[in-house]
């Protein structure tokens, strides 16, 4: 009997060691200066994105038990195209069937014209070297991982439209995390990332192996709305509004279902907006956070699977 218990214990250790979580967190405050659609010089820097990336990595490790060695982070100038592709290569080539991958990004989003898209617009995230990562590429990354039995979660605190920034009281700064509609030539900046991704080889499942995997995408805003970067609040570090709300929910219950997280966010934003209105402030947060999951079942599970 003792021998059987020992064997069972070894099997449990083997299973626990088999399922790993690999995380990549990106945050960009420092952007190259540029011009808006009207040709006016604009400072595109943000305030809270590096803090967003650091707090998400901290949550992955402290709340969800991800090994520190499995949780990488790219900040500011290191969040460029080459290092982004290296990190994606690491995720795809390292994760095994039954593992999971978690990606978080905080920074600018934008749009470029793309005739292949139904609405003629491709949503992108903007890296520190002004290289663009199209939204479709993340779908390809997710599909590649799922085909190899790897669950994946993508978290974006960025937006895909809107103006730049405005100040309130000269102290609290609320900025749209958007570069708006980028000039057509900017679309070429996505070529390097797309081509680089095509060279990445995934870790293949053994023949006959069948592992069902799922994916979920968490968005700070709808594709036609801006998300907010907030700094200057007394006693609170600069963060994206979405990340602040997500932090609240994870601190309250790390195992809260994704669907519940978004229900909480909707209610919280309504309360904040009503408070602004009651106090005679014109400011309204209308970013409309949402999510997409590969199944209804995944929407009823936590951000990171236990």
Protein backbone atom coordinates (compact mmCIF):
# COMPACT_ATOMS: atom_id res chain seq x y z
CA UNK A 1 0.00 0.00 0.00
CA UNK A 2 2.82 2.36 0.93
CA UNK A 3 4.49 1.67 -2.39
CA UNK A 4 1.29 2.48 -4.28
CA UNK A 5 0.94 5.78 -2.40
CA UNK A 6 4.52 6.65 -3.27
CA UNK A 7 3.89 5.95 -6.95
CA UNK A 8 0.70 8.05 -6.83
CA UNK A 9 2.59 10.92 -5.21
CA UNK A 10 5.27 10.79 -7.91
CA UNK A 11 2.58 10.88 -10.59
CA UNK A 12 1.05 13.97 -9.01
CA UNK A 13 4.44 15.69 -8.95
CA UNK A 14 4.95 14.75 -12.59
CA UNK A 15 1.59 16.22 -13.62
CA UNK A 16 2.19 19.43 -11.65
CA UNK A 17 5.60 19.86 -13.25
CA UNK A 18 4.14 19.26 -16.68
CA UNK A 19 1.66 22.14 -16.68
CA UNK A 20 3.56 25.43 -16.80
CA UNK A 21 2.45 29.02 -17.31
CA UNK A 22 4.58 31.41 -19.34
CA UNK A 23 3.89 35.14 -19.14
CA UNK A 24 5.02 38.19 -21.09
CA UNK A 25 4.19 41.71 -19.88
CA UNK A 26 4.84 44.81 -21.99
CA UNK A 27 4.52 48.47 -20.98
CA UNK A 28 5.54 51.56 -22.96
CA UNK A 29 5.52 55.13 -21.64
CA UNK A 30 8.26 56.59 -23.83
CA UNK A 31 7.31 56.98 -27.48
CA UNK A 32 9.01 58.76 -30.34
CA UNK A 33 7.52 62.22 -31.01
CA UNK A 34 5.28 62.45 -34.05
CA UNK A 35 2.46 64.29 -35.75
CA UNK A 36 -1.30 63.97 -35.46
CA UNK A 37 -3.68 63.70 -38.43
CA UNK A 38 -3.60 67.48 -38.83
CA UNK A 39 0.20 67.48 -39.05
CA UNK A 40 0.68 69.05 -35.61
CA UNK A 41 3.69 67.97 -33.55
CA UNK A 42 2.54 65.75 -30.67
CA UNK A 43 4.25 64.27 -27.61
CA UNK A 44 2.91 60.72 -27.50
CA UNK A 45 4.40 59.78 -24.11
CA UNK A 46 2.16 58.14 -21.52
CA UNK A 47 2.48 57.87 -17.73
CA UNK A 48 1.06 54.62 -16.38
CA UNK A 49 1.96 51.88 -18.85
CA UNK A 50 5.22 50.75 -17.24
CA UNK A 51 3.41 50.54 -13.91
CA UNK A 52 0.68 48.50 -15.61
CA UNK A 53 3.22 45.98 -16.91
CA UNK A 54 4.99 45.70 -13.56
CA UNK A 55 1.79 45.18 -11.59
CA UNK A 56 0.53 42.55 -14.05
CA UNK A 57 3.79 40.60 -13.81
CA UNK A 58 3.56 40.88 -10.03
CA UNK A 59 0.02 39.49 -10.11
CA UNK A 60 1.05 36.62 -12.37
CA UNK A 61 3.78 35.62 -9.89
CA UNK A 62 2.25 36.47 -6.50
CA UNK A 63 -1.43 35.77 -7.15
CA UNK A 64 -1.30 32.97 -9.70
CA UNK A 65 1.96 31.23 -8.83
CA UNK A 66 3.76 31.74 -12.15
CA UNK A 67 7.48 31.08 -11.73
CA UNK A 68 9.52 34.30 -11.86
CA UNK A 69 11.77 32.68 -14.47
CA UNK A 70 8.68 32.10 -16.63
CA UNK A 71 7.47 35.71 -16.39
CA UNK A 72 9.31 38.07 -18.72
CA UNK A 73 8.81 41.80 -19.11
CA UNK A 74 9.61 44.35 -21.84
CA UNK A 75 9.53 48.04 -20.87
CA UNK A 76 9.93 51.25 -22.90
CA UNK A 77 12.84 51.04 -25.38
CA UNK A 78 13.15 47.27 -24.84
CA UNK A 79 9.58 46.84 -26.10
CA UNK A 80 10.73 47.08 -29.72
CA UNK A 81 10.04 44.84 -32.71
CA UNK A 82 13.14 42.65 -32.37
CA UNK A 83 12.65 41.94 -28.67
CA UNK A 84 8.91 41.48 -29.10
CA UNK A 85 9.52 38.80 -31.74
CA UNK A 86 12.19 37.16 -29.56
CA UNK A 87 9.70 37.01 -26.69
CA UNK A 88 6.92 35.58 -28.89
CA UNK A 89 9.38 33.02 -30.23
CA UNK A 90 10.18 32.04 -26.63
CA UNK A 91 6.48 31.63 -25.76
CA UNK A 92 5.59 29.57 -28.81
CA UNK A 93 8.66 27.35 -28.87
CA UNK A 94 8.71 26.70 -25.10
CA UNK A 95 5.06 26.07 -24.17
CA UNK A 96 4.00 22.41 -24.31
CA UNK A 97 0.54 20.84 -24.68
CA UNK A 98 -1.34 21.48 -21.45
CA UNK A 99 0.67 24.62 -20.63
CA UNK A 100 -0.70 28.14 -20.85
CA UNK A 101 0.59 31.48 -22.10
CA UNK A 102 -0.42 34.90 -20.76
CA UNK A 103 0.37 38.14 -22.60
CA UNK A 104 -0.33 41.65 -21.34
CA UNK A 105 0.27 44.94 -23.14
CA UNK A 106 -0.17 48.52 -21.99
CA UNK A 107 0.58 51.35 -24.38
CA UNK A 108 -0.68 53.08 -27.48
CA UNK A 109 -3.05 51.59 -29.98
CA UNK A 110 -3.88 52.97 -33.41
CA UNK A 111 -5.43 52.22 -36.76
CA UNK A 112 -4.12 51.86 -40.30
CA UNK A 113 -5.99 51.48 -43.55
CA UNK A 114 -6.20 47.87 -44.73
CA UNK A 115 -8.32 46.90 -47.72
CA UNK A 116 -8.31 43.27 -46.60
CA UNK A 117 -10.36 44.17 -43.52
CA UNK A 118 -14.17 44.28 -43.78
CA UNK A 119 -14.29 47.85 -42.48
CA UNK A 120 -11.09 48.89 -44.28
CA UNK A 121 -9.30 49.45 -40.97
CA UNK A 122 -6.73 47.33 -39.14
CA UNK A 123 -6.27 47.87 -35.39
CA UNK A 124 -2.65 47.82 -34.19
CA UNK A 125 -0.55 48.24 -31.09
CA UNK A 126 2.44 50.57 -31.35
CA UNK A 127 5.86 49.43 -30.15
CA UNK A 128 8.56 51.72 -28.76
CA UNK A 129 10.39 51.91 -32.11
CA UNK A 130 7.14 52.84 -33.91
CA UNK A 131 6.81 49.34 -35.37
CA UNK A 132 3.21 48.17 -35.49
CA UNK A 133 1.72 44.83 -34.47
CA UNK A 134 -1.61 44.22 -36.23
CA UNK A 135 -4.46 42.73 -34.24
CA UNK A 136 -4.75 39.83 -36.70
CA UNK A 137 -1.26 38.71 -35.74
CA UNK A 138 -2.41 38.03 -32.19
CA UNK A 139 -5.18 35.84 -33.59
CA UNK A 140 -2.53 33.89 -35.47
CA UNK A 141 -0.43 33.56 -32.32
CA UNK A 142 -3.49 32.31 -30.40
CA UNK A 143 -4.39 29.81 -33.12
CA UNK A 144 -0.81 28.52 -33.27
CA UNK A 145 -0.78 27.98 -29.52
CA UNK A 146 -4.22 26.32 -29.44
CA UNK A 147 -3.32 23.94 -32.26
CA UNK A 148 -0.43 22.79 -30.12
CA UNK A 149 -2.63 22.30 -27.04
CA UNK A 150 -1.59 25.51 -25.26
CA UNK A 151 -4.20 27.68 -23.52
CA UNK A 152 -3.67 31.41 -23.92
CA UNK A 153 -4.85 34.72 -22.47
CA UNK A 154 -4.23 38.14 -24.03
CA UNK A 155 -4.77 41.36 -22.05
CA UNK A 156 -4.70 44.75 -23.81
CA UNK A 157 -4.86 48.07 -21.98
CA UNK A 158 -4.79 50.15 -25.13
CA UNK A 159 -7.24 51.71 -27.54
CA UNK A 160 -7.72 51.93 -31.26
CA UNK A 161 -9.08 55.42 -31.82
CA UNK A 162 -9.52 58.83 -30.25
CA UNK A 163 -7.56 62.02 -29.72
CA UNK A 164 -4.47 62.49 -27.65
CA UNK A 165 -4.69 64.12 -24.27
CA UNK A 166 -6.23 66.72 -22.05
CA UNK A 167 -5.46 68.03 -18.57
CA UNK A 168 -7.81 68.43 -15.63
CA UNK A 169 -7.05 70.86 -12.79
CA UNK A 170 -3.48 71.08 -14.04
CA UNK A 171 -2.72 68.07 -11.85
CA UNK A 172 -4.65 64.99 -12.85
CA UNK A 173 -3.74 63.96 -16.37
CA UNK A 174 -6.08 61.77 -18.40
CA UNK A 175 -4.68 60.72 -21.76
CA UNK A 176 -6.14 58.60 -24.52
CA UNK A 177 -3.96 55.58 -25.21
CA UNK A 178 -4.37 56.11 -28.91
CA UNK A 179 -2.36 57.52 -31.78
CA UNK A 180 -5.56 57.74 -33.76
CA UNK A 181 -5.58 56.90 -37.44
CA UNK A 182 -2.00 56.51 -38.58
CA UNK A 183 -0.83 57.58 -42.00
CA UNK A 184 -0.95 54.88 -44.70
CA UNK A 185 2.84 54.69 -44.87
CA UNK A 186 2.81 53.57 -41.25
CA UNK A 187 1.26 50.30 -42.38
CA UNK A 188 4.68 49.32 -43.73
CA UNK A 189 5.94 49.31 -40.16
CA UNK A 190 3.93 46.14 -39.57
CA UNK A 191 5.72 44.18 -42.30
CA UNK A 192 8.79 43.44 -40.17
CA UNK A 193 6.73 42.00 -37.35
CA UNK A 194 4.51 39.94 -39.69
CA UNK A 195 7.48 38.49 -41.57
CA UNK A 196 9.34 37.82 -38.35
CA UNK A 197 6.41 35.88 -36.94
CA UNK A 198 6.27 33.64 -40.01
CA UNK A 199 9.80 32.43 -39.20
CA UNK A 200 8.86 31.23 -35.71
CA UNK A 201 8.51 27.48 -35.28
CA UNK A 202 6.21 26.16 -32.58
CA UNK A 203 6.76 23.20 -30.31
CA UNK A 204 4.78 20.44 -31.98
CA UNK A 205 2.57 17.94 -30.18
CA UNK A 206 3.54 14.31 -30.38
CA UNK A 207 1.61 12.34 -33.04
CA UNK A 208 -1.74 11.18 -31.72
CA UNK A 209 -1.75 13.67 -28.83
CA UNK A 210 -5.07 15.43 -28.34
CA UNK A 211 -5.21 18.34 -25.93
CA UNK A 212 -8.10 20.78 -26.13
CA UNK A 213 -6.93 24.34 -25.61
CA UNK A 214 -8.79 27.63 -25.43
CA UNK A 215 -8.07 31.33 -25.77
CA UNK A 216 -9.45 34.55 -24.36
CA UNK A 217 -8.81 38.19 -25.25
CA UNK A 218 -9.39 40.96 -22.69
CA UNK A 219 -9.73 44.49 -24.05
CA UNK A 220 -9.68 47.83 -22.25
CA UNK A 221 -12.03 49.34 -24.83
CA UNK A 222 -14.12 48.66 -27.87
CA UNK A 223 -12.32 49.10 -31.18
CA UNK A 224 -13.93 52.48 -31.82
CA UNK A 225 -13.30 53.93 -28.36
CA UNK A 226 -10.25 55.23 -26.49
CA UNK A 227 -8.96 53.83 -23.21
CA UNK A 228 -7.51 56.11 -20.56
CA UNK A 229 -4.11 56.59 -18.98
CA UNK A 230 -4.47 58.31 -15.60
CA UNK A 231 -1.82 60.04 -13.50
CA UNK A 232 -1.75 62.61 -10.71
CA UNK A 233 -4.27 60.99 -8.39
CA UNK A 234 -3.19 61.48 -4.79
CA UNK A 235 -1.79 58.30 -3.27
CA UNK A 236 -2.25 56.28 -6.47
CA UNK A 237 0.47 55.46 -9.00
CA UNK A 238 -0.16 56.28 -12.64
CA UNK A 239 -2.02 53.45 -14.38
CA UNK A 240 -4.42 52.71 -17.17
CA UNK A 241 -8.02 52.98 -15.99
CA UNK A 242 -8.64 49.43 -17.18
CA UNK A 243 -5.66 48.11 -15.23
CA UNK A 244 -6.77 49.96 -12.09
CA UNK A 245 -10.18 48.26 -12.28
CA UNK A 246 -8.60 44.89 -13.06
CA UNK A 247 -6.26 45.28 -10.07
CA UNK A 248 -9.26 45.87 -7.82
CA UNK A 249 -11.00 42.76 -9.04
CA UNK A 250 -7.96 40.48 -8.84
CA UNK A 251 -7.15 41.71 -5.33
CA UNK A 252 -10.73 40.97 -4.33
CA UNK A 253 -10.89 37.53 -5.95
CA UNK A 254 -8.12 36.24 -8.20
CA UNK A 255 -10.36 33.37 -9.32
CA UNK A 256 -13.25 35.58 -10.38
CA UNK A 257 -14.67 34.47 -13.76
CA UNK A 258 -13.80 36.73 -16.68
CA UNK A 259 -17.49 37.41 -17.28
CA UNK A 260 -17.86 38.66 -13.69
CA UNK A 261 -14.79 40.87 -14.05
CA UNK A 262 -16.38 42.69 -16.97
CA UNK A 263 -19.72 42.99 -15.25
CA UNK A 264 -17.88 44.64 -12.35
CA UNK A 265 -16.03 46.98 -14.71
CA UNK A 266 -19.26 48.08 -16.40
CA UNK A 267 -20.86 48.88 -13.05
CA UNK A 268 -17.73 50.62 -11.74
CA UNK A 269 -17.51 52.87 -14.80
CA UNK A 270 -21.19 53.75 -14.53
CA UNK A 271 -20.69 54.74 -10.88
CA UNK A 272 -17.59 56.81 -11.68
CA UNK A 273 -19.33 58.61 -14.53
CA UNK A 274 -22.39 59.31 -12.38
CA UNK A 275 -20.14 60.71 -9.66
CA UNK A 276 -18.48 63.03 -12.18
CA UNK A 277 -21.88 64.16 -13.41
CA UNK A 278 -23.17 64.75 -9.87
CA UNK A 279 -20.14 66.93 -9.16
CA UNK A 280 -20.63 69.03 -12.29
CA UNK A 281 -17.69 67.53 -14.20
CA UNK A 282 -17.90 66.99 -17.95
CA UNK A 283 -15.42 64.10 -17.93
CA UNK A 284 -16.94 60.72 -18.84
CA UNK A 285 -15.18 57.38 -19.27
CA UNK A 286 -16.76 55.74 -22.30
CA UNK A 287 -14.22 53.10 -23.28
CA UNK A 288 -16.52 50.09 -23.12
CA UNK A 289 -14.18 47.27 -21.97
CA UNK A 290 -14.99 43.88 -23.45
CA UNK A 291 -13.65 40.39 -24.01
CA UNK A 292 -13.74 37.58 -26.55
CA UNK A 293 -13.36 33.92 -25.63
CA UNK A 294 -13.14 30.74 -27.65
CA UNK A 295 -16.09 29.32 -25.71
CA UNK A 296 -18.73 30.30 -23.16
CA UNK A 297 -17.09 27.90 -20.74
CA UNK A 298 -13.79 29.84 -20.90
CA UNK A 299 -15.63 33.07 -20.07
CA UNK A 300 -16.72 31.50 -16.80
CA UNK A 301 -13.17 30.75 -15.70
CA UNK A 302 -10.42 32.98 -14.21
CA UNK A 303 -7.93 35.02 -16.22
CA UNK A 304 -5.27 32.39 -15.53
CA UNK A 305 -6.46 28.80 -15.34
CA UNK A 306 -5.70 27.09 -12.03
